[in-house]
Amino acid sequence: MFIYLQLLVIVCMYSIMFIWFTETVFFFWQSLFYNAQTQLLSRPAVVEKIVELGTVSLGNSYQSVLKSGFSDKKSDRATRVSFKVIPLGT
């Protein structure tokens, strides 16, 4: 889930126009990334699969953007902040 959300942050940082399209593509292909499909894979292997699918769906020009985005501290931080939960009543 975190890697997928980081993908959305990366795409949003590059071009917000492709967020809906990216969500649609990954929703359609979610079975490739669900539980048993990725359970025994390392994080870099899962990221590589996501970069491949993102490159096929968004175009070759996105490959370097996606690859570098997963090692970028700015996208990592934005993803972690988006996971913060604000308790009710505060």
N, C-alpha and C. Protein backbone atom coordinates (compact mmCIF):
# COMPACT_ATOMS: atom_id res chain seq x y z
N MET A 1 0.82 -1.19 0.00
CA MET A 1 0.00 0.00 0.00
C MET A 1 0.87 1.26 0.00
N PHE A 2 1.94 1.24 0.82
CA PHE A 2 2.81 2.41 0.90
C PHE A 2 3.47 2.69 -0.45
N ILE A 3 3.93 1.65 -1.12
CA ILE A 3 4.61 1.83 -2.41
C ILE A 3 3.62 2.39 -3.44
N TYR A 4 2.40 1.89 -3.43
CA TYR A 4 1.39 2.40 -4.36
C TYR A 4 1.09 3.88 -4.09
N LEU A 5 0.96 4.23 -2.82
CA LEU A 5 0.71 5.63 -2.47
C LEU A 5 1.90 6.51 -2.86
N GLN A 6 3.10 5.98 -2.69
CA GLN A 6 4.28 6.73 -3.11
C GLN A 6 4.26 6.94 -4.62
N LEU A 7 3.80 5.96 -5.37
CA LEU A 7 3.66 6.11 -6.82
C LEU A 7 2.74 7.28 -7.14
N LEU A 8 1.61 7.36 -6.46
CA LEU A 8 0.67 8.46 -6.70
C LEU A 8 1.28 9.81 -6.36
N VAL A 9 2.07 9.86 -5.29
CA VAL A 9 2.74 11.11 -4.92
C VAL A 9 3.73 11.50 -6.01
N ILE A 10 4.49 10.54 -6.52
CA ILE A 10 5.48 10.82 -7.57
C ILE A 10 4.78 11.34 -8.82
N VAL A 11 3.71 10.67 -9.23
CA VAL A 11 2.98 11.09 -10.43
C VAL A 11 2.39 12.48 -10.21
N CYS A 12 1.85 12.73 -9.04
CA CYS A 12 1.26 14.03 -8.73
C CYS A 12 2.31 15.13 -8.76
N MET A 13 3.51 14.85 -8.28
CA MET A 13 4.59 15.83 -8.29
C MET A 13 5.01 16.18 -9.72
N TYR A 14 4.88 15.21 -10.61
CA TYR A 14 5.30 15.42 -11.99
C TYR A 14 4.18 16.03 -12.83
N SER A 15 2.99 15.45 -12.72
CA SER A 15 1.84 15.97 -13.48
C SER A 15 0.55 15.45 -12.86
N ILE A 16 -0.20 16.33 -12.25
CA ILE A 16 -1.43 15.94 -11.56
C ILE A 16 -2.48 15.40 -12.53
N MET A 17 -2.34 15.69 -13.81
CA MET A 17 -3.31 15.22 -14.81
C MET A 17 -3.37 13.70 -14.89
N PHE A 18 -2.28 13.00 -14.54
CA PHE A 18 -2.23 11.56 -14.72
C PHE A 18 -2.62 10.75 -13.49
N ILE A 19 -3.04 11.42 -12.41
CA ILE A 19 -3.40 10.70 -11.19
C ILE A 19 -4.56 9.74 -11.43
N TRP A 20 -5.64 10.23 -12.01
CA TRP A 20 -6.81 9.37 -12.23
C TRP A 20 -6.45 8.19 -13.14
N PHE A 21 -5.71 8.47 -14.19
CA PHE A 21 -5.32 7.41 -15.11
C PHE A 21 -4.46 6.36 -14.39
N THR A 22 -3.52 6.81 -13.58
CA THR A 22 -2.65 5.89 -12.84
C THR A 22 -3.47 5.04 -11.88
N GLU A 23 -4.41 5.64 -11.18
CA GLU A 23 -5.27 4.88 -10.26
C GLU A 23 -6.07 3.84 -11.02
N THR A 24 -6.59 4.21 -12.17
CA THR A 24 -7.40 3.29 -12.98
C THR A 24 -6.58 2.09 -13.44
N VAL A 25 -5.39 2.36 -13.93
CA VAL A 25 -4.52 1.27 -14.42
C VAL A 25 -4.15 0.33 -13.28
N PHE A 26 -3.75 0.88 -12.15
CA PHE A 26 -3.35 0.02 -11.04
C PHE A 26 -4.53 -0.67 -10.38
N PHE A 27 -5.70 -0.09 -10.42
CA PHE A 27 -6.88 -0.79 -9.94
C PHE A 27 -7.15 -2.01 -10.81
N PHE A 28 -7.03 -1.83 -12.13
CA PHE A 28 -7.26 -2.93 -13.07
C PHE A 28 -6.25 -4.06 -12.86
N TRP A 29 -4.99 -3.72 -12.61
CA TRP A 29 -3.92 -4.71 -12.47
C TRP A 29 -3.55 -5.00 -11.02
N GLN A 30 -4.41 -4.68 -10.07
CA GLN A 30 -4.07 -4.86 -8.66
C GLN A 30 -3.75 -6.30 -8.28
N SER A 31 -4.29 -7.25 -9.01
CA SER A 31 -4.02 -8.66 -8.68
C SER A 31 -2.54 -9.01 -8.83
N LEU A 32 -1.80 -8.23 -9.60
CA LEU A 32 -0.35 -8.46 -9.74
C LEU A 32 0.42 -8.07 -8.49
N PHE A 33 -0.20 -7.27 -7.63
CA PHE A 33 0.50 -6.72 -6.48
C PHE A 33 -0.16 -7.08 -5.15
N TYR A 34 -1.08 -8.00 -5.16
CA TYR A 34 -1.87 -8.29 -3.97
C TYR A 34 -1.34 -9.52 -3.25
N ASN A 35 -1.04 -9.38 -1.98
CA ASN A 35 -0.62 -10.44 -1.05
C ASN A 35 0.40 -11.41 -1.62
N ALA A 36 -0.03 -12.59 -2.04
CA ALA A 36 0.88 -13.66 -2.43
C ALA A 36 1.79 -13.26 -3.59
N GLN A 37 1.31 -12.38 -4.46
CA GLN A 37 2.11 -11.98 -5.63
C GLN A 37 3.38 -11.24 -5.22
N THR A 38 3.32 -10.52 -4.12
CA THR A 38 4.48 -9.70 -3.71
C THR A 38 5.01 -10.08 -2.33
N GLN A 39 4.39 -11.02 -1.68
CA GLN A 39 4.75 -11.36 -0.30
C GLN A 39 6.21 -11.75 -0.14
N LEU A 40 6.74 -12.49 -1.10
CA LEU A 40 8.11 -12.98 -0.99
C LEU A 40 9.12 -12.12 -1.74
N LEU A 41 8.65 -11.02 -2.31
CA LEU A 41 9.54 -10.14 -3.06
C LEU A 41 10.10 -9.04 -2.17
N SER A 42 11.28 -8.59 -2.51
CA SER A 42 11.87 -7.46 -1.78
C SER A 42 11.20 -6.16 -2.24
N ARG A 43 11.37 -5.10 -1.47
CA ARG A 43 10.81 -3.81 -1.85
C ARG A 43 11.34 -3.35 -3.21
N PRO A 44 12.65 -3.45 -3.47
CA PRO A 44 13.14 -3.03 -4.79
C PRO A 44 12.53 -3.82 -5.95
N ALA A 45 12.25 -5.09 -5.72
CA ALA A 45 11.62 -5.90 -6.77
C ALA A 45 10.19 -5.44 -7.04
N VAL A 46 9.46 -5.12 -6.00
CA VAL A 46 8.08 -4.61 -6.15
C VAL A 46 8.11 -3.25 -6.83
N VAL A 47 9.03 -2.39 -6.41
CA VAL A 47 9.16 -1.07 -7.03
C VAL A 47 9.45 -1.23 -8.52
N GLU A 48 10.33 -2.16 -8.88
CA GLU A 48 10.67 -2.38 -10.28
C GLU A 48 9.44 -2.81 -11.08
N LYS A 49 8.61 -3.67 -10.50
CA LYS A 49 7.38 -4.09 -11.19
C LYS A 49 6.43 -2.91 -11.38
N ILE A 50 6.33 -2.06 -10.36
CA ILE A 50 5.46 -0.89 -10.45
C ILE A 50 6.00 0.10 -11.48
N VAL A 51 7.30 0.28 -11.52
CA VAL A 51 7.91 1.17 -12.52
C VAL A 51 7.64 0.63 -13.92
N GLU A 52 7.75 -0.69 -14.10
CA GLU A 52 7.47 -1.29 -15.41
C GLU A 52 6.03 -1.03 -15.83
N LEU A 53 5.08 -1.28 -14.94
CA LEU A 53 3.68 -1.07 -15.28
C LEU A 53 3.40 0.42 -15.50
N GLY A 54 3.99 1.26 -14.67
CA GLY A 54 3.82 2.69 -14.84
C GLY A 54 4.40 3.18 -16.16
N THR A 55 5.52 2.62 -16.57
CA THR A 55 6.15 3.01 -17.83
C THR A 55 5.30 2.58 -19.01
N VAL A 56 4.75 1.38 -18.94
CA VAL A 56 3.89 0.89 -20.02
C VAL A 56 2.62 1.73 -20.12
N SER A 57 2.05 2.09 -18.98
CA SER A 57 0.78 2.82 -19.00
C SER A 57 0.94 4.32 -19.24
N LEU A 58 1.99 4.92 -18.69
CA LEU A 58 2.16 6.37 -18.81
C LEU A 58 3.09 6.77 -19.96
N GLY A 59 3.92 5.86 -20.40
CA GLY A 59 4.85 6.16 -21.49
C GLY A 59 6.30 6.06 -21.04
N ASN A 60 7.17 5.85 -22.01
CA ASN A 60 8.60 5.67 -21.71
C ASN A 60 9.23 6.87 -21.04
N SER A 61 8.70 8.05 -21.29
CA SER A 61 9.28 9.26 -20.70
C SER A 61 9.11 9.28 -19.18
N TYR A 62 8.22 8.47 -18.64
CA TYR A 62 7.99 8.41 -17.20
C TYR A 62 8.92 7.45 -16.47
N GLN A 63 9.65 6.61 -17.20
CA GLN A 63 10.47 5.60 -16.53
C GLN A 63 11.49 6.21 -15.58
N SER A 64 12.25 7.18 -16.04
CA SER A 64 13.26 7.78 -15.16
C SER A 64 12.62 8.58 -14.03
N VAL A 65 11.47 9.20 -14.30
CA VAL A 65 10.76 9.95 -13.27
C VAL A 65 10.31 9.00 -12.16
N LEU A 66 9.74 7.87 -12.54
CA LEU A 66 9.26 6.91 -11.55
C LEU A 66 10.42 6.30 -10.78
N LYS A 67 11.48 5.88 -11.48
CA LYS A 67 12.63 5.28 -10.80
C LYS A 67 13.25 6.23 -9.80
N SER A 68 13.51 7.44 -10.23
CA SER A 68 14.15 8.39 -9.32
C SER A 68 13.21 8.82 -8.21
N GLY A 69 11.91 8.83 -8.48
CA GLY A 69 10.94 9.23 -7.47
C GLY A 69 10.90 8.31 -6.27
N PHE A 70 11.15 7.03 -6.50
CA PHE A 70 11.11 6.08 -5.38
C PHE A 70 12.33 6.19 -4.48
N SER A 71 13.38 6.86 -4.93
CA SER A 71 14.54 7.07 -4.07
C SER A 71 14.66 8.53 -3.62
N ASP A 72 13.70 9.34 -4.00
CA ASP A 72 13.69 10.75 -3.66
C ASP A 72 13.15 10.96 -2.25
N LYS A 73 13.89 11.68 -1.44
CA LYS A 73 13.45 11.93 -0.05
C LYS A 73 12.19 12.78 0.01
N LYS A 74 12.01 13.66 -0.97
CA LYS A 74 10.84 14.54 -0.98
C LYS A 74 9.55 13.73 -1.17
N SER A 75 9.55 12.79 -2.12
CA SER A 75 8.35 11.97 -2.33
C SER A 75 8.13 11.00 -1.18
N ASP A 76 9.23 10.51 -0.60
CA ASP A 76 9.12 9.61 0.55
C ASP A 76 8.48 10.34 1.73
N ARG A 77 8.93 11.55 1.97
CA ARG A 77 8.38 12.33 3.08
C ARG A 77 6.91 12.67 2.84
N ALA A 78 6.59 13.08 1.62
CA ALA A 78 5.19 13.42 1.29
C ALA A 78 4.29 12.21 1.48
N THR A 79 4.79 11.04 1.14
CA THR A 79 4.01 9.82 1.31
C THR A 79 3.80 9.51 2.79
N ARG A 80 4.85 9.64 3.58
CA ARG A 80 4.74 9.36 5.02
C ARG A 80 3.80 10.36 5.70
N VAL A 81 3.85 11.61 5.32
CA VAL A 81 2.96 12.61 5.90
C VAL A 81 1.51 12.30 5.55
N SER A 82 1.28 11.79 4.34
CA SER A 82 -0.10 11.47 3.95
C SER A 82 -0.67 10.30 4.75
N PHE A 83 0.19 9.50 5.38
CA PHE A 83 -0.26 8.38 6.20
C PHE A 83 -0.59 8.82 7.63
N LYS A 84 -0.25 10.04 8.00
CA LYS A 84 -0.53 10.50 9.37
C LYS A 84 -2.03 10.49 9.62
N VAL A 85 -2.39 10.10 10.81
CA VAL A 85 -3.80 10.07 11.19
C VAL A 85 -4.01 11.11 12.29
N ILE A 86 -4.98 11.96 12.09
CA ILE A 86 -5.32 12.96 13.10
C ILE A 86 -6.43 12.38 13.97
N PRO A 87 -6.17 12.19 15.27
CA PRO A 87 -7.21 11.61 16.14
C PRO A 87 -8.45 12.50 16.19
N LEU A 88 -9.60 11.87 16.30
CA LEU A 88 -10.85 12.60 16.41
C LEU A 88 -10.87 13.37 17.73
N GLY A 89 -11.49 14.52 17.70
CA GLY A 89 -11.61 15.30 18.93
C GLY A 89 -10.45 16.23 19.18
N THR A 90 -9.51 16.33 18.21
CA THR A 90 -8.39 17.27 18.41
C THR A 90 -8.49 18.44 17.49
